[in-house]
């Protein structure tokens, strides 16, 4: 009986608190939990690349909107910057978009001045 010693502290999967009456709808809901849907408006696609700078210095490659989109995805899904780069690198081609994807160093550098919605409130 050595395994019963910690039985009270073990994680157990509890019973369902409700009775499922519509199994097809319940299973469809479980499948929808794994679904990922992203919408990019035509205005956002047009603003993905940064406008040319008229002052001295290097030209930015990505607009603030592109950086904010990437950082928001990372914030929502709890991803690191390299993982955000990988997510955008896999999702944008699936959407049929040939957009340049900001790399993790650009995201990290531009994230220093970005205010997330959680920080701003």
Foldseek 3Di string as FASTA:
>chain_A
DVVVPCVVVDDDDDDDPDDDDDVVVVVVVVVCVPDDDDDDDPVNVVQQAPDADPDDDDGGGGDPSLLLVLVVVCVVVVHQLQVSQVVCVPVCVVVVHPDDHDHSVVSVVVVVPDQDPVNVD
